[in-house]
Protein backbone atom coordinates (compact mmCIF):
# COMPACT_ATOMS: atom_id res chain seq x y z
CA MET A 1 3.88 25.85 -7.34
CA ILE A 2 1.07 22.58 -6.47
CA LYS A 3 -1.90 22.12 -7.92
CA ASN A 4 -3.36 19.27 -7.04
CA ILE A 5 -2.73 15.68 -4.73
CA THR A 6 -3.74 12.41 -5.66
CA VAL A 7 -4.96 9.29 -3.43
CA LYS A 8 -3.93 5.96 -5.57
CA MET A 9 -5.36 3.13 -4.53
CA ASP A 10 -4.73 1.21 -7.99
CA VAL A 11 -2.84 -1.99 -6.64
CA ILE A 12 -4.72 -2.07 -3.17
CA GLU A 13 -7.71 -2.93 -5.54
CA SER A 14 -6.18 -5.57 -7.48
CA MET A 15 -4.90 -6.62 -3.85
CA LEU A 16 -8.31 -6.98 -2.56
CA TYR A 17 -9.72 -9.02 -5.61
CA PHE A 18 -6.78 -11.18 -4.70
CA TRP A 19 -7.88 -11.73 -1.18
CA GLN A 20 -11.63 -11.61 -1.46
CA ALA A 21 -10.93 -14.32 -4.29
CA THR A 22 -8.02 -16.74 -2.73
CA ASN A 23 -10.36 -15.95 0.33
CA ASP A 24 -13.13 -17.67 -1.43
CA LYS A 25 -11.13 -20.71 -2.64
CA GLU A 26 -11.14 -19.31 -5.75
CA LYS A 27 -8.08 -19.42 -8.39
CA VAL A 28 -6.48 -16.62 -9.12
CA GLY A 29 -4.08 -16.58 -11.74
CA GLU A 30 -0.69 -16.18 -13.59
CA ASN A 31 -1.16 -13.55 -15.07
CA TYR A 32 -3.37 -11.20 -13.39
CA ILE A 33 -0.85 -12.24 -10.05
CA TYR A 34 1.73 -10.69 -12.70
CA SER A 35 -0.37 -7.50 -13.67
CA ILE A 36 -0.04 -6.28 -10.08
CA ALA A 37 3.80 -7.52 -9.73
CA ASP A 38 4.48 -5.42 -12.89
CA ARG A 39 2.36 -2.32 -11.32
CA GLU A 40 5.27 0.80 -11.42
CA GLU A 41 4.60 1.75 -7.74
CA MET A 42 5.91 -2.52 -6.72
CA SER A 43 8.72 -1.59 -7.77
CA CYS A 44 9.83 0.97 -5.15
CA LEU A 45 10.09 -2.80 -3.16
CA TYR A 46 12.33 -4.33 -5.63
CA ASP A 47 16.16 -5.14 -4.52
CA GLU A 48 18.20 -7.98 -4.98
CA GLU A 49 16.07 -10.07 -2.39
CA PHE A 50 12.76 -8.93 -2.80
CA ASP A 51 11.50 -8.47 -6.99
CA ARG A 52 8.95 -8.97 -9.45
CA GLU A 53 9.15 -12.87 -9.28
CA SER A 54 8.92 -12.91 -5.44
CA VAL A 55 5.57 -10.74 -5.93
CA ARG A 56 4.56 -14.07 -7.87
CA LYS A 57 5.94 -16.91 -5.86
CA VAL A 58 4.83 -15.58 -2.80
CA LEU A 59 1.22 -14.52 -4.72
CA SER A 60 1.03 -17.69 -6.22
CA ALA A 61 1.55 -19.97 -3.20
CA ILE A 62 -0.84 -18.08 -1.13
CA SER A 63 -3.71 -18.27 -4.37
CA ASN A 64 -2.82 -22.39 -4.67
CA ARG A 65 -2.38 -22.71 -1.26
CA GLU A 66 1.37 -24.25 -0.74
CA ILE A 67 3.52 -23.57 1.90
CA LEU A 68 5.91 -21.05 0.71
CA ASN A 69 9.13 -22.06 0.21
CA SER A 70 11.78 -19.48 0.98
CA ASN A 71 14.64 -18.85 3.09
CA SER A 72 14.48 -14.45 1.72
CA LYS A 73 12.88 -12.52 5.17
CA ARG A 74 11.37 -10.30 2.32
CA GLU A 75 9.08 -13.02 1.12
CA ARG A 76 8.00 -14.20 4.38
CA LYS A 77 7.09 -10.97 5.68
CA PHE A 78 4.84 -10.19 2.50
CA TRP A 79 3.27 -13.44 2.85
CA ASN A 80 2.78 -12.95 6.56
CA ASN A 81 1.28 -9.49 5.66
CA ASN A 82 -1.20 -11.06 2.92
CA MET A 83 -2.27 -13.68 4.74
CA TRP A 84 -3.22 -11.59 7.35
CA MET A 85 -5.37 -9.32 4.94
CA MET A 86 -7.53 -12.82 4.34
CA GLU A 87 -7.66 -13.70 8.28
CA ASP A 88 -10.36 -11.24 8.66
CA LEU A 89 -11.43 -9.27 5.53
CA GLU A 90 -13.72 -7.32 7.52
CA TYR A 91 -10.67 -5.41 8.82
CA THR A 92 -9.11 -5.18 5.88
CA ASN A 93 -12.57 -3.65 4.66
CA MET A 94 -12.20 -1.23 7.48
CA MET A 95 -8.56 -0.64 6.70
CA ILE A 96 -9.83 0.68 2.42
CA LYS A 97 -12.69 2.05 3.65
CA PRO A 98 -11.18 5.65 5.09
CA LEU A 99 -8.53 5.78 2.29
CA LYS A 100 -10.66 5.89 -0.04
CA VAL A 101 -12.41 8.82 1.01
CA LEU A 102 -8.93 10.25 1.86
CA ASN A 103 -9.44 14.08 0.26
CA LEU A 104 -6.07 16.24 0.19
CA ASP A 105 -7.49 18.63 -0.73
CA ASP A 106 -6.41 21.57 1.71
CA ALA A 107 -3.38 20.28 2.21
CA ILE A 108 -2.17 22.14 -1.10
CA SER A 109 -2.45 25.33 0.47
CA MET A 110 -0.14 24.38 4.13
CA LEU A 111 3.00 22.32 1.15
CA ASP A 112 2.69 25.95 -0.48
CA GLN A 113 5.33 27.36 1.77
CA TYR A 114 7.62 25.28 0.22
CA ASP A 115 9.54 26.80 -3.08
CA THR A 116 8.69 23.07 -4.77
CA ALA A 117 9.44 22.50 -8.83
CA TYR A 118 6.88 19.77 -8.22
CA ASP A 119 2.68 20.85 -9.43
CA ALA A 120 1.32 17.66 -8.65
CA LEU A 121 1.79 15.07 -5.88
CA GLU A 122 0.46 11.97 -5.48
CA VAL A 123 0.04 8.91 -2.92
CA HIS A 124 0.05 5.41 -3.45
CA PHE A 125 -0.93 2.54 -0.79
CA ILE A 126 0.85 -0.08 -1.65
CA PRO A 127 1.37 -3.77 0.06
CA GLY A 128 4.88 -3.34 1.82
CA LEU A 129 6.94 -5.19 3.28
CA HIS A 130 8.96 -3.54 6.46
CA GLU A 131 9.38 -0.08 5.38
CA GLU A 132 7.00 1.80 6.45
CA TYR A 133 7.19 5.20 3.62
CA GLN A 134 9.15 5.64 0.60
CA ILE A 135 10.12 8.75 -1.53
CA VAL A 136 10.74 9.21 -5.27
CA GLY A 137 9.87 12.30 -6.12
CA ASN A 138 6.62 13.89 -6.19
CA LYS A 139 5.15 10.58 -5.17
CA VAL A 140 4.44 8.73 -1.59
CA PHE A 141 4.35 4.88 -1.36
CA ILE A 142 3.16 4.14 1.87
CA ASN A 143 2.59 0.65 3.45
CA PHE A 144 -1.29 -0.40 3.21
CA PHE A 145 -0.31 -3.34 6.18
CA ARG A 146 0.39 0.09 8.55
CA VAL A 147 -2.70 1.84 8.14
CA LYS A 148 -4.38 0.59 11.15
CA PRO A 149 -8.25 1.32 11.93
CA ASP A 150 -9.21 1.74 15.57
CA LEU A 151 -11.66 -0.87 16.61
CA TYR A 152 -13.13 1.14 19.56
CA VAL A 153 -12.71 4.46 18.23
CA GLU A 154 -14.79 4.26 14.51
CA ASP A 155 -13.26 6.76 11.56
CA LYS A 156 -10.26 7.26 13.65
CA VAL A 157 -7.08 5.78 11.58
CA THR A 158 -4.02 5.76 12.34
CA VAL A 159 0.08 4.58 10.81
CA GLY A 160 3.23 4.68 12.67
CA ASP A 161 0.48 6.29 15.92
CA VAL A 162 -0.12 9.34 13.68
CA LEU A 163 -3.92 10.24 12.56
CA LEU A 164 -3.63 9.67 8.87
CA LYS A 165 -4.27 12.56 7.48
CA GLU A 166 -1.87 14.01 9.43
CA TYR A 167 1.11 11.31 8.75
CA VAL A 168 -0.12 11.77 4.43
CA VAL A 169 0.43 15.24 5.07
CA ALA A 170 3.53 14.93 7.29
CA LYS A 171 5.24 13.07 4.39
CA LEU A 172 4.46 14.84 1.60
CA GLU A 173 6.11 17.80 3.64
CA GLU A 174 8.59 15.69 3.51
CA ALA A 175 8.79 14.92 -0.98
CA VAL A 176 8.71 18.85 -1.22
CA LYS A 177 11.15 20.08 1.31
């Protein structure tokens, strides 16, 4: 029986500092970049083509205002997504704001219909690559770059053309099935 659902924004909060500092032409140190790359949440992105060193390489190039020299499609995608965040920090903040107040307490009773070994679920927003989401055990990892606030309808936020809360609940349901 599920007792609680937690929304985790730690990686995105760290990335927000990176985007703001870099946008303000401040140098972000390698230690800080490694602290992001070493986060457990980031490990679901890692494979033979994209790993901890890829995160360091890309974020370091951005912070140092260097051209990314990489043949890796996944590294280039990560570079592109991060550059996009820094183009319009106001839009980035529009993406973050609804995540900070996302309340999933009412989803607990909806998920009680499933027989699951989990008593807690976690939703992590991470700076993903191509994948829209991943499920690992009781954790749902959602690609932050796929969060889309509507510029014309206030408080309308979607992921994959589905309203944010409906999307997250559907992925939580998938995790407990």
